[in-house]
Amino acid sequence: MSECKLDHSQEDVRTKYESQLEFLPEDMNFLFEQFFTKEHTQDLLNEVFHLLKKYDLVSEEERNARNNRLYLVLKNV
Protein backbone atom coordinates (compact mmCIF):
# COMPACT_ATOMS: atom_id res chain seq x y z
CA MET A 1 0.00 0.00 0.00
CA SER A 2 1.22 3.44 -0.77
CA GLU A 3 1.68 6.09 1.88
CA CYS A 4 -0.99 8.75 2.09
CA LYS A 5 -0.42 12.20 3.50
CA LEU A 6 -4.06 12.65 4.54
CA ASP A 7 -5.16 12.10 8.10
CA HIS A 8 -8.39 10.15 8.35
CA SER A 9 -10.92 10.72 11.12
CA GLN A 10 -12.68 7.96 12.99
CA GLU A 11 -15.76 8.85 10.95
CA ASP A 12 -13.75 8.38 7.72
CA VAL A 13 -12.68 4.95 8.95
CA ARG A 14 -16.26 4.03 9.88
CA THR A 15 -17.54 5.12 6.47
CA LYS A 16 -14.84 3.10 4.72
CA TYR A 17 -15.60 0.11 6.96
CA GLU A 18 -19.31 0.32 6.15
CA SER A 19 -18.56 0.48 2.42
CA GLN A 20 -16.46 -2.71 2.65
CA LEU A 21 -18.53 -4.53 5.27
CA GLU A 22 -20.01 -7.11 2.91
CA PHE A 23 -16.51 -8.18 1.79
CA LEU A 24 -14.96 -8.50 5.26
CA PRO A 25 -14.97 -11.72 7.31
CA GLU A 26 -18.14 -11.81 9.39
CA ASP A 27 -16.28 -12.39 12.66
CA MET A 28 -14.49 -9.08 12.17
CA ASN A 29 -17.72 -7.08 12.60
CA PHE A 30 -17.77 -7.29 16.39
CA LEU A 31 -14.09 -6.32 16.56
CA PHE A 32 -14.78 -3.24 14.46
CA GLU A 33 -17.74 -2.27 16.61
CA GLN A 34 -15.47 -2.45 19.66
CA PHE A 35 -12.82 -0.46 17.79
CA PHE A 36 -15.26 2.37 17.12
CA THR A 37 -16.14 2.75 20.80
CA LYS A 38 -12.61 3.93 21.65
CA GLU A 39 -10.32 6.79 20.75
CA HIS A 40 -7.29 5.91 18.62
CA THR A 41 -4.06 7.52 17.50
CA GLN A 42 -3.97 9.20 14.13
CA ASP A 43 -1.45 6.64 12.89
CA LEU A 44 -3.76 3.77 13.81
CA LEU A 45 -6.79 5.40 12.18
CA ASN A 46 -4.78 5.98 9.01
CA GLU A 47 -3.51 2.40 8.98
CA VAL A 48 -6.98 0.88 9.39
CA PHE A 49 -8.39 3.21 6.73
CA HIS A 50 -5.77 2.10 4.23
CA LEU A 51 -6.22 -1.57 5.06
CA LEU A 52 -9.90 -1.13 4.21
CA LYS A 53 -9.35 1.04 1.13
CA LYS A 54 -10.23 -0.88 -2.05
CA TYR A 55 -10.44 -4.06 0.04
CA ASP A 56 -13.06 -5.42 -2.34
CA LEU A 57 -10.73 -5.04 -5.33
CA VAL A 58 -7.54 -6.65 -4.05
CA SER A 59 -6.37 -10.18 -4.80
CA GLU A 60 -7.12 -13.04 -2.41
CA GLU A 61 -3.48 -13.06 -1.31
CA GLU A 62 -3.55 -9.32 -0.55
CA ARG A 63 -6.92 -9.69 1.21
CA ASN A 64 -5.48 -12.42 3.46
CA ALA A 65 -2.52 -10.20 4.33
CA ARG A 66 -4.85 -7.30 5.14
CA ASN A 67 -7.10 -9.57 7.21
CA ASN A 68 -4.11 -10.73 9.25
CA ARG A 69 -3.07 -7.15 9.92
CA LEU A 70 -6.64 -6.05 10.72
CA TYR A 71 -7.08 -8.92 13.19
CA LEU A 72 -3.79 -8.02 14.83
CA VAL A 73 -4.81 -4.36 15.18
CA LEU A 74 -8.42 -4.94 16.21
CA LYS A 75 -7.65 -7.57 18.84
CA ASN A 76 -4.96 -5.42 20.46
CA VAL A 77 -6.69 -2.06 20.88
PDB file of N, CA and C in Angstrom:
ATOM      1  N   MET A   1       0.841  -1.178   0.000  1.00  0.00           N
ATOM      2  CA  MET A   1       0.000   0.000   0.000  1.00  0.00           C
ATOM      3  C   MET A   1       0.883   1.237   0.000  1.00  0.00           C
ATOM      4  N   SER A   2       0.449   2.220  -0.711  1.00  0.00           N
ATOM      5  CA  SER A   2       1.224   3.442  -0.774  1.00  0.00           C
ATOM      6  C   SER A   2       0.905   4.325   0.427  1.00  0.00           C
ATOM      7  N   GLU A   3       1.868   5.167   0.767  1.00  0.00           N
ATOM      8  CA  GLU A   3       1.679   6.088   1.876  1.00  0.00           C
ATOM      9  C   GLU A   3       0.783   7.235   1.441  1.00  0.00           C
ATOM     10  N   CYS A   4      -0.066   7.650   2.358  1.00  0.00           N
ATOM     11  CA  CYS A   4      -0.989   8.748   2.095  1.00  0.00           C
ATOM     12  C   CYS A   4      -0.679   9.854   3.087  1.00  0.00           C
ATOM     13  N   LYS A   5      -0.716  11.068   2.635  1.00  0.00           N
ATOM     14  CA  LYS A   5      -0.418  12.198   3.503  1.00  0.00           C
ATOM     15  C   LYS A   5      -1.660  12.739   4.209  1.00  0.00           C
ATOM     16  N   LEU A   6      -2.828  12.199   3.900  1.00  0.00           N
ATOM     17  CA  LEU A   6      -4.056  12.655   4.540  1.00  0.00           C
ATOM     18  C   LEU A   6      -4.259  11.948   5.866  1.00  0.00           C
ATOM     19  N   ASP A   7      -4.764  12.703   6.843  1.00  0.00           N
ATOM     20  CA  ASP A   7      -5.163  12.096   8.097  1.00  0.00           C
ATOM     21  C   ASP A   7      -6.647  11.787   8.014  1.00  0.00           C
ATOM     22  N   HIS A   8      -7.005  10.597   8.432  1.00  0.00           N
ATOM     23  CA  HIS A   8      -8.394  10.150   8.352  1.00  0.00           C
ATOM     24  C   HIS A   8      -9.010  10.146   9.745  1.00  0.00           C
ATOM     25  N   SER A   9     -10.205  10.676   9.840  1.00  0.00           N
ATOM     26  CA  SER A   9     -10.917  10.720  11.117  1.00  0.00           C
ATOM     27  C   SER A   9     -11.523   9.356  11.418  1.00  0.00           C
ATOM     28  N   GLN A  10     -11.993   9.205  12.636  1.00  0.00           N
ATOM     29  CA  GLN A  10     -12.678   7.962  12.993  1.00  0.00           C
ATOM     30  C   GLN A  10     -13.926   7.807  12.126  1.00  0.00           C
ATOM     31  N   GLU A  11     -14.580   8.907  11.813  1.00  0.00           N
ATOM     32  CA  GLU A  11     -15.763   8.853  10.949  1.00  0.00           C
ATOM     33  C   GLU A  11     -15.382   8.392   9.538  1.00  0.00           C
ATOM     34  N   ASP A  12     -14.240   8.850   9.029  1.00  0.00           N
ATOM     35  CA  ASP A  12     -13.750   8.378   7.725  1.00  0.00           C
ATOM     36  C   ASP A  12     -13.545   6.861   7.745  1.00  0.00           C
ATOM     37  N   VAL A  13     -12.949   6.387   8.829  1.00  0.00           N
ATOM     38  CA  VAL A  13     -12.683   4.955   8.948  1.00  0.00           C
ATOM     39  C   VAL A  13     -13.999   4.185   9.011  1.00  0.00           C
ATOM     40  N   ARG A  14     -14.948   4.702   9.777  1.00  0.00           N
ATOM     41  CA  ARG A  14     -16.256   4.032   9.883  1.00  0.00           C
ATOM     42  C   ARG A  14     -16.951   3.980   8.518  1.00  0.00           C
ATOM     43  N   THR A  15     -16.916   5.071   7.790  1.00  0.00           N
ATOM     44  CA  THR A  15     -17.539   5.123   6.466  1.00  0.00           C
ATOM     45  C   THR A  15     -16.885   4.116   5.528  1.00  0.00           C
ATOM     46  N   LYS A  16     -15.554   4.064   5.570  1.00  0.00           N
ATOM     47  CA  LYS A  16     -14.836   3.103   4.721  1.00  0.00           C
ATOM     48  C   LYS A  16     -15.173   1.674   5.145  1.00  0.00           C
ATOM     49  N   TYR A  17     -15.222   1.438   6.440  1.00  0.00           N
ATOM     50  CA  TYR A  17     -15.602   0.112   6.956  1.00  0.00           C
ATOM     51  C   TYR A  17     -16.988  -0.275   6.449  1.00  0.00           C
ATOM     52  N   GLU A  18     -17.938   0.624   6.574  1.00  0.00           N
ATOM     53  CA  GLU A  18     -19.308   0.322   6.147  1.00  0.00           C
ATOM     54  C   GLU A  18     -19.385   0.044   4.647  1.00  0.00           C
ATOM     55  N   SER A  19     -18.546   0.713   3.869  1.00  0.00           N
ATOM     56  CA  SER A  19     -18.560   0.484   2.423  1.00  0.00           C
ATOM     57  C   SER A  19     -17.947  -0.871   2.046  1.00  0.00           C
ATOM     58  N   GLN A  20     -17.137  -1.427   2.934  1.00  0.00           N
ATOM     59  CA  GLN A  20     -16.465  -2.709   2.653  1.00  0.00           C
ATOM     60  C   GLN A  20     -17.027  -3.856   3.485  1.00  0.00           C
ATOM     61  N   LEU A  21     -17.992  -3.569   4.317  1.00  0.00           N
ATOM     62  CA  LEU A  21     -18.533  -4.534   5.274  1.00  0.00           C
ATOM     63  C   LEU A  21     -18.907  -5.871   4.645  1.00  0.00           C
ATOM     64  N   GLU A  22     -19.557  -5.849   3.512  1.00  0.00           N
ATOM     65  CA  GLU A  22     -20.013  -7.106   2.906  1.00  0.00           C
ATOM     66  C   GLU A  22     -18.859  -7.984   2.417  1.00  0.00           C
ATOM     67  N   PHE A  23     -17.662  -7.425   2.283  1.00  0.00           N
ATOM     68  CA  PHE A  23     -16.507  -8.180   1.792  1.00  0.00           C
ATOM     69  C   PHE A  23     -15.606  -8.683   2.923  1.00  0.00           C
ATOM     70  N   LEU A  24     -15.800  -8.137   4.124  1.00  0.00           N
ATOM     71  CA  LEU A  24     -14.960  -8.498   5.263  1.00  0.00           C
ATOM     72  C   LEU A  24     -15.445  -9.789   5.916  1.00  0.00           C
ATOM     73  N   PRO A  25     -14.536 -10.519   6.573  1.00  0.00           N
ATOM     74  CA  PRO A  25     -14.967 -11.716   7.307  1.00  0.00           C
ATOM     75  C   PRO A  25     -16.010 -11.321   8.365  1.00  0.00           C
ATOM     76  N   GLU A  26     -17.035 -12.130   8.491  1.00  0.00           N
ATOM     77  CA  GLU A  26     -18.141 -11.811   9.395  1.00  0.00           C
ATOM     78  C   GLU A  26     -17.695 -11.660  10.851  1.00  0.00           C
ATOM     79  N   ASP A  27     -16.730 -12.472  11.266  1.00  0.00           N
ATOM     80  CA  ASP A  27     -16.284 -12.395  12.659  1.00  0.00           C
ATOM     81  C   ASP A  27     -15.492 -11.126  12.975  1.00  0.00           C
ATOM     82  N   MET A  28     -15.200 -10.333  11.971  1.00  0.00           N
ATOM     83  CA  MET A  28     -14.491  -9.076  12.171  1.00  0.00           C
ATOM     84  C   MET A  28     -15.454  -7.947  12.578  1.00  0.00           C
ATOM     85  N   ASN A  29     -16.741  -8.130  12.323  1.00  0.00           N
ATOM     86  CA  ASN A  29     -17.725  -7.076  12.595  1.00  0.00           C
ATOM     87  C   ASN A  29     -17.723  -6.644  14.058  1.00  0.00           C
ATOM     88  N   PHE A  30     -17.764  -7.607  14.968  1.00  0.00           N
ATOM     89  CA  PHE A  30     -17.772  -7.293  16.388  1.00  0.00           C
ATOM     90  C   PHE A  30     -16.495  -6.552  16.787  1.00  0.00           C
ATOM     91  N   LEU A  31     -15.362  -6.983  16.248  1.00  0.00           N
ATOM     92  CA  LEU A  31     -14.090  -6.324  16.558  1.00  0.00           C
ATOM     93  C   LEU A  31     -14.103  -4.871  16.098  1.00  0.00           C
ATOM     94  N   PHE A  32     -14.676  -4.613  14.930  1.00  0.00           N
ATOM     95  CA  PHE A  32     -14.780  -3.237  14.459  1.00  0.00           C
ATOM     96  C   PHE A  32     -15.717  -2.418  15.341  1.00  0.00           C
ATOM     97  N   GLU A  33     -16.818  -3.002  15.753  1.00  0.00           N
ATOM     98  CA  GLU A  33     -17.741  -2.265  16.615  1.00  0.00           C
ATOM     99  C   GLU A  33     -17.058  -1.891  17.928  1.00  0.00           C
ATOM    100  N   GLN A  34     -16.258  -2.774  18.464  1.00  0.00           N
ATOM    101  CA  GLN A  34     -15.473  -2.451  19.662  1.00  0.00           C
ATOM    102  C   GLN A  34     -14.458  -1.348  19.355  1.00  0.00           C
ATOM    103  N   PHE A  35     -13.820  -1.443  18.220  1.00  0.00           N
ATOM    104  CA  PHE A  35     -12.824  -0.457  17.795  1.00  0.00           C
ATOM    105  C   PHE A  35     -13.425   0.950  17.773  1.00  0.00           C
ATOM    106  N   PHE A  36     -14.640   1.062  17.268  1.00  0.00           N
ATOM    107  CA  PHE A  36     -15.260   2.373  17.122  1.00  0.00           C
ATOM    108  C   PHE A  36     -15.756   2.965  18.437  1.00  0.00           C
ATOM    109  N   THR A  37     -15.723   2.204  19.507  1.00  0.00           N
ATOM    110  CA  THR A  37     -16.144   2.747  20.799  1.00  0.00           C
ATOM    111  C   THR A  37     -15.002   3.443  21.530  1.00  0.00           C
ATOM    112  N   LYS A  38     -13.800   3.371  20.990  1.00  0.00           N
ATOM    113  CA  LYS A  38     -12.614   3.930  21.651  1.00  0.00           C
ATOM    114  C   LYS A  38     -11.964   5.002  20.792  1.00  0.00           C
ATOM    115  N   GLU A  39     -11.145   5.808  21.452  1.00  0.00           N
ATOM    116  CA  GLU A  39     -10.319   6.790  20.755  1.00  0.00           C
ATOM    117  C   GLU A  39      -9.024   6.107  20.306  1.00  0.00           C
ATOM    118  N   HIS A  40      -8.507   6.525  19.143  1.00  0.00           N
ATOM    119  CA  HIS A  40      -7.286   5.914  18.617  1.00  0.00           C
ATOM    120  C   HIS A  40      -6.332   6.977  18.107  1.00  0.00           C
ATOM    121  N   THR A  41      -5.066   6.601  18.025  1.00  0.00           N
ATOM    122  CA  THR A  41      -4.063   7.524  17.497  1.00  0.00           C
ATOM    123  C   THR A  41      -4.321   7.769  16.016  1.00  0.00           C
ATOM    124  N   GLN A  42      -3.821   8.878  15.540  1.00  0.00           N
ATOM    125  CA  GLN A  42      -3.973   9.199  14.126  1.00  0.00           C
ATOM    126  C   GLN A  42      -3.312   8.143  13.255  1.00  0.00           C
ATOM    127  N   ASP A  43      -2.157   7.672  13.667  1.00  0.00           N
ATOM    128  CA  ASP A  43      -1.450   6.639  12.892  1.00  0.00           C
ATOM    129  C   ASP A  43      -2.289   5.372  12.761  1.00  0.00           C
ATOM    130  N   LEU A  44      -2.933   4.979  13.847  1.00  0.00           N
ATOM    131  CA  LEU A  44      -3.756   3.772  13.812  1.00  0.00           C
ATOM    132  C   LEU A  44      -4.991   3.969  12.933  1.00  0.00           C
ATOM    133  N   LEU A  45      -5.632   5.112  13.043  1.00  0.00           N
ATOM    134  CA  LEU A  45      -6.788   5.405  12.180  1.00  0.00           C
ATOM    135  C   LEU A  45      -6.380   5.373  10.712  1.00  0.00           C
ATOM    136  N   ASN A  46      -5.258   5.978  10.397  1.00  0.00           N
ATOM    137  CA  ASN A  46      -4.782   5.982   9.010  1.00  0.00           C
ATOM    138  C   ASN A  46      -4.481   4.569   8.522  1.00  0.00           C
ATOM    139  N   GLU A  47      -3.849   3.770   9.377  1.00  0.00           N
ATOM    140  CA  GLU A  47      -3.510   2.399   8.976  1.00  0.00           C
ATOM    141  C   GLU A  47      -4.774   1.583   8.686  1.00  0.00           C
ATOM    142  N   VAL A  48      -5.752   1.649   9.578  1.00  0.00           N
ATOM    143  CA  VAL A  48      -6.978   0.878   9.386  1.00  0.00           C
ATOM    144  C   VAL A  48      -7.707   1.364   8.137  1.00  0.00           C
ATOM    145  N   PHE A  49      -7.750   2.677   7.932  1.00  0.00           N
ATOM    146  CA  PHE A  49      -8.395   3.206   6.731  1.00  0.00           C
ATOM    147  C   PHE A  49      -7.764   2.611   5.479  1.00  0.00           C
ATOM    148  N   HIS A  50      -6.444   2.586   5.441  1.00  0.00           N
ATOM    149  CA  HIS A  50      -5.765   2.102   4.230  1.00  0.00           C
ATOM    150  C   HIS A  50      -5.838   0.585   4.070  1.00  0.00           C
ATOM    151  N   LEU A  51      -5.984  -0.134   5.165  1.00  0.00           N
ATOM    152  CA  LEU A  51      -6.223  -1.574   5.059  1.00  0.00           C
ATOM    153  C   LEU A  51      -7.597  -1.850   4.460  1.00  0.00           C
ATOM    154  N   LEU A  52      -8.540  -0.965   4.739  1.00  0.00           N
ATOM    155  CA  LEU A  52      -9.899  -1.128   4.207  1.00  0.00           C
ATOM    156  C   LEU A  52     -10.062  -0.578   2.788  1.00  0.00           C
ATOM    157  N   LYS A  53      -9.221   0.375   2.433  1.00  0.00           N
ATOM    158  CA  LYS A  53      -9.345   1.036   1.130  1.00  0.00           C
ATOM    159  C   LYS A  53      -9.204   0.030  -0.008  1.00  0.00           C
ATOM    160  N   LYS A  54     -10.196   0.012  -0.886  1.00  0.00           N
ATOM    161  CA  LYS A  54     -10.230  -0.881  -2.048  1.00  0.00           C
ATOM    162  C   LYS A  54     -10.079  -2.355  -1.668  1.00  0.00           C
ATOM    163  N   TYR A  55     -10.499  -2.684  -0.455  1.00  0.00           N
ATOM    164  CA  TYR A  55     -10.440  -4.062   0.036  1.00  0.00           C
ATOM    165  C   TYR A  55     -11.148  -5.018  -0.924  1.00  0.00           C
ATOM    166  N   ASP A  56     -12.271  -4.577  -1.451  1.00  0.00           N
ATOM    167  CA  ASP A  56     -13.065  -5.417  -2.344  1.00  0.00           C
ATOM    168  C   ASP A  56     -12.381  -5.690  -3.676  1.00  0.00           C
ATOM    169  N   LEU A  57     -11.373  -4.914  -4.025  1.00  0.00           N
ATOM    170  CA  LEU A  57     -10.730  -5.038  -5.334  1.00  0.00           C
ATOM    171  C   LEU A  57      -9.394  -5.777  -5.313  1.00  0.00           C
ATOM    172  N   VAL A  58      -8.864  -6.036  -4.123  1.00  0.00           N
ATOM    173  CA  VAL A  58      -7.542  -6.650  -4.050  1.00  0.00           C
ATOM    174  C   VAL A  58      -7.607  -8.158  -4.270  1.00  0.00           C
ATOM    175  N   SER A  59      -6.455  -8.735  -4.581  1.00  0.00           N
ATOM    176  CA  SER A  59      -6.366 -10.183  -4.795  1.00  0.00           C
ATOM    177  C   SER A  59      -6.620 -10.925  -3.485  1.00  0.00           C
ATOM    178  N   GLU A  60      -6.898 -12.199  -3.593  1.00  0.00           N
ATOM    179  CA  GLU A  60      -7.120 -13.041  -2.406  1.00  0.00           C
ATOM    180  C   GLU A  60      -5.897 -13.026  -1.497  1.00  0.00           C
ATOM    181  N   GLU A  61      -4.727 -13.074  -2.092  1.00  0.00           N
ATOM    182  CA  GLU A  61      -3.484 -13.059  -1.315  1.00  0.00           C
ATOM    183  C   GLU A  61      -3.352 -11.743  -0.535  1.00  0.00           C
ATOM    184  N   GLU A  62      -3.616 -10.629  -1.204  1.00  0.00           N
ATOM    185  CA  GLU A  62      -3.550  -9.323  -0.551  1.00  0.00           C
ATOM    186  C   GLU A  62      -4.640  -9.202   0.517  1.00  0.00           C
ATOM    187  N   ARG A  63      -5.811  -9.732   0.241  1.00  0.00           N
ATOM    188  CA  ARG A  63      -6.915  -9.686   1.210  1.00  0.00           C
ATOM    189  C   ARG A  63      -6.534 -10.472   2.472  1.00  0.00           C
ATOM    190  N   ASN A  64      -5.914 -11.627   2.310  1.00  0.00           N
ATOM    191  CA  ASN A  64      -5.476 -12.417   3.464  1.00  0.00           C
ATOM    192  C   ASN A  64      -4.444 -11.656   4.292  1.00  0.00           C
ATOM    193  N   ALA A  65      -3.525 -10.991   3.622  1.00  0.00           N
ATOM    194  CA  ALA A  65      -2.519 -10.198   4.331  1.00  0.00           C
ATOM    195  C   ALA A  65      -3.188  -9.054   5.097  1.00  0.00           C
ATOM    196  N   ARG A  66      -4.139  -8.394   4.460  1.00  0.00           N
ATOM    197  CA  ARG A  66      -4.853  -7.299   5.135  1.00  0.00           C
ATOM    198  C   ARG A  66      -5.674  -7.833   6.305  1.00  0.00           C
ATOM    199  N   ASN A  67      -6.324  -8.980   6.118  1.00  0.00           N
ATOM    200  CA  ASN A  67      -7.097  -9.573   7.215  1.00  0.00           C
ATOM    201  C   ASN A  67      -6.198  -9.854   8.410  1.00  0.00           C
ATOM    202  N   ASN A  68      -5.039 -10.429   8.159  1.00  0.00           N
ATOM    203  CA  ASN A  68      -4.108 -10.731   9.248  1.00  0.00           C
ATOM    204  C   ASN A  68      -3.737  -9.471  10.008  1.00  0.00           C
ATOM    205  N   ARG A  69      -3.441  -8.407   9.283  1.00  0.00           N
ATOM    206  CA  ARG A  69      -3.066  -7.150   9.923  1.00  0.00           C
ATOM    207  C   ARG A  69      -4.261  -6.541  10.663  1.00  0.00           C
ATOM    208  N   LEU A  70      -5.446  -6.583  10.058  1.00  0.00           N
ATOM    209  CA  LEU A  70      -6.637  -6.049  10.721  1.00  0.00           C
ATOM    210  C   LEU A  70      -6.929  -6.811  12.010  1.00  0.00           C
ATOM    211  N   TYR A  71      -6.859  -8.137  11.979  1.00  0.00           N
ATOM    212  CA  TYR A  71      -7.084  -8.921  13.194  1.00  0.00           C
ATOM    213  C   TYR A  71      -6.073  -8.536  14.276  1.00  0.00           C
ATOM    214  N   LEU A  72      -4.825  -8.386  13.889  1.00  0.00           N
ATOM    215  CA  LEU A  72      -3.789  -8.021  14.832  1.00  0.00           C
ATOM    216  C   LEU A  72      -4.109  -6.668  15.486  1.00  0.00           C
ATOM    217  N   VAL A  73      -4.476  -5.697  14.681  1.00  0.00           N
ATOM    218  CA  VAL A  73      -4.810  -4.357  15.178  1.00  0.00           C
ATOM    219  C   VAL A  73      -6.065  -4.398  16.035  1.00  0.00           C
ATOM    220  N   LEU A  74      -7.123  -4.990  15.526  1.00  0.00           N
ATOM    221  CA  LEU A  74      -8.419  -4.941  16.205  1.00  0.00           C
ATOM    222  C   LEU A  74      -8.442  -5.722  17.521  1.00  0.00           C
ATOM    223  N   LYS A  75      -7.661  -6.760  17.616  1.00  0.00           N
ATOM    224  CA  LYS A  75      -7.646  -7.566  18.843  1.00  0.00           C
ATOM    225  C   LYS A  75      -6.725  -6.978  19.891  1.00  0.00           C
ATOM    226  N   ASN A  76      -5.940  -5.976  19.523  1.00  0.00           N
ATOM    227  CA  ASN A  76      -4.961  -5.418  20.464  1.00  0.00           C
ATOM    228  C   ASN A  76      -5.191  -3.944  20.767  1.00  0.00           C
ATOM    229  N   VAL A  77      -6.393  -3.468  20.537  1.00  0.00           N
ATOM    230  CA  VAL A  77      -6.691  -2.061  20.879  1.00  0.00           C
ATOM    231  C   VAL A  77      -7.646  -2.008  22.055  1.00  0.00           C
TER     232      VAL A  77
END
